[in-house]
Amino acid sequence: MIRAYVMPAIAGAFLIGLATAALAATGEFGNRCAMSLVNGKDTPTDCSISEMYGGKNYCFGDQAAHDLFMKAPAENLAKAQANYSRMFPTKAQEK
């Protein structure tokens, strides 16, 4: 009898975990590398390397890009936002 309650509870917990992981892997700029946007390039990422800054999650293509971006995050973010708006005007307006 207890088994009838335990299995659905385990399955529900598993699904909640998957949904949380999917949300955690979502970043600004459509999961593009923030440092590549600083340089005017479009590099999609899986957000496995990311950083929270100003309450938002930014993704990076590799650890070197992350480290370089975080040396001057405010300046780099301004450049990334300007380039993203120029490269993807309709997506930038959706924000």
Protein backbone atom coordinates (compact mmCIF):
# COMPACT_ATOMS: atom_id res chain seq x y z
CA MET A 1 0.00 0.00 0.00
CA ILE A 2 2.79 2.42 0.86
CA ARG A 3 4.45 1.61 -2.44
CA ALA A 4 1.47 3.13 -4.25
CA TYR A 5 2.33 6.49 -2.67
CA VAL A 6 6.12 6.30 -2.72
CA MET A 7 6.69 5.69 -6.44
CA PRO A 8 4.61 8.69 -7.64
CA ALA A 9 6.29 10.89 -5.02
CA ILE A 10 9.75 9.84 -6.23
CA ALA A 11 8.74 10.41 -9.86
CA GLY A 12 7.35 13.86 -8.99
CA ALA A 13 10.53 14.84 -7.17
CA PHE A 14 12.58 13.71 -10.16
CA LEU A 15 10.50 15.81 -12.56
CA ILE A 16 10.81 18.87 -10.34
CA GLY A 17 14.57 18.37 -10.30
CA LEU A 18 14.68 18.21 -14.10
CA ALA A 19 12.61 21.38 -14.43
CA THR A 20 14.87 23.20 -11.98
CA ALA A 21 17.98 22.10 -13.88
CA ALA A 22 16.48 23.33 -17.15
CA LEU A 23 15.78 26.74 -15.64
CA ALA A 24 19.26 26.96 -14.15
CA ALA A 25 20.82 26.45 -17.58
CA THR A 26 19.06 29.48 -19.04
CA GLY A 27 21.08 32.62 -19.57
CA GLU A 28 20.79 36.10 -20.94
CA PHE A 29 21.35 36.78 -24.64
CA GLY A 30 19.67 33.50 -25.61
CA ASN A 31 22.46 31.41 -24.04
CA ARG A 32 25.12 33.07 -26.20
CA CYS A 33 28.61 33.61 -24.85
CA ALA A 34 28.62 37.07 -23.27
CA MET A 35 32.32 37.58 -23.99
CA SER A 36 31.92 36.71 -27.66
CA LEU A 37 29.14 39.32 -27.86
CA VAL A 38 31.57 41.87 -26.40
CA ASN A 39 33.74 41.13 -29.44
CA GLY A 40 30.79 41.32 -31.86
CA LYS A 41 30.58 37.55 -32.41
CA ASP A 42 27.74 35.08 -31.96
CA THR A 43 28.76 31.95 -30.04
CA PRO A 44 25.93 29.74 -28.70
CA THR A 45 26.66 27.91 -25.44
CA ASP A 46 25.10 25.23 -23.28
CA CYS A 47 25.53 27.54 -20.24
CA SER A 48 27.64 24.97 -18.42
CA ILE A 49 29.98 27.88 -17.61
CA SER A 50 27.98 30.79 -16.29
CA GLU A 51 28.00 33.59 -13.75
CA MET A 52 25.27 35.51 -11.95
CA TYR A 53 25.84 39.25 -12.25
CA GLY A 54 23.31 41.92 -11.40
CA GLY A 55 20.69 39.26 -10.75
CA LYS A 56 20.99 37.75 -14.22
CA ASN A 57 22.78 34.65 -15.47
CA TYR A 58 25.39 35.11 -18.21
CA CYS A 59 26.82 32.18 -20.15
CA PHE A 60 30.32 31.68 -21.52
CA GLY A 61 31.85 29.44 -24.15
CA ASP A 62 34.81 28.52 -21.96
CA GLN A 63 36.49 29.39 -18.68
CA ALA A 64 38.91 31.84 -20.34
CA ALA A 65 35.99 33.86 -21.75
CA HIS A 66 34.36 33.88 -18.31
CA ASP A 67 37.53 35.04 -16.58
CA LEU A 68 38.17 37.80 -19.12
CA PHE A 69 34.57 39.05 -18.91
CA MET A 70 34.64 39.15 -15.10
CA LYS A 71 37.76 41.35 -15.03
CA ALA A 72 35.52 44.30 -16.02
CA PRO A 73 31.93 43.02 -15.93
CA ALA A 74 30.11 46.37 -16.09
CA GLU A 75 32.05 47.58 -19.12
CA ASN A 76 31.86 44.22 -20.86
CA LEU A 77 28.14 43.90 -20.19
CA ALA A 78 27.49 47.31 -21.77
CA LYS A 79 29.40 46.25 -24.90
CA ALA A 80 27.66 42.86 -25.01
CA GLN A 81 24.23 44.47 -24.70
CA ALA A 82 24.98 47.01 -27.43
CA ASN A 83 26.26 44.32 -29.81
CA TYR A 84 23.37 41.97 -29.00
CA SER A 85 20.88 44.75 -29.76
CA ARG A 86 22.63 45.47 -33.05
CA MET A 87 22.96 41.80 -34.05
CA PHE A 88 19.49 40.66 -32.91
CA PRO A 89 17.23 43.74 -32.89
CA THR A 90 13.94 41.86 -32.63
CA LYS A 91 15.14 39.64 -29.77
CA ALA A 92 16.58 42.61 -27.89
CA GLN A 93 13.20 44.35 -28.08
CA GLU A 94 11.47 41.33 -26.48
CA LYS A 95 13.32 41.92 -23.21
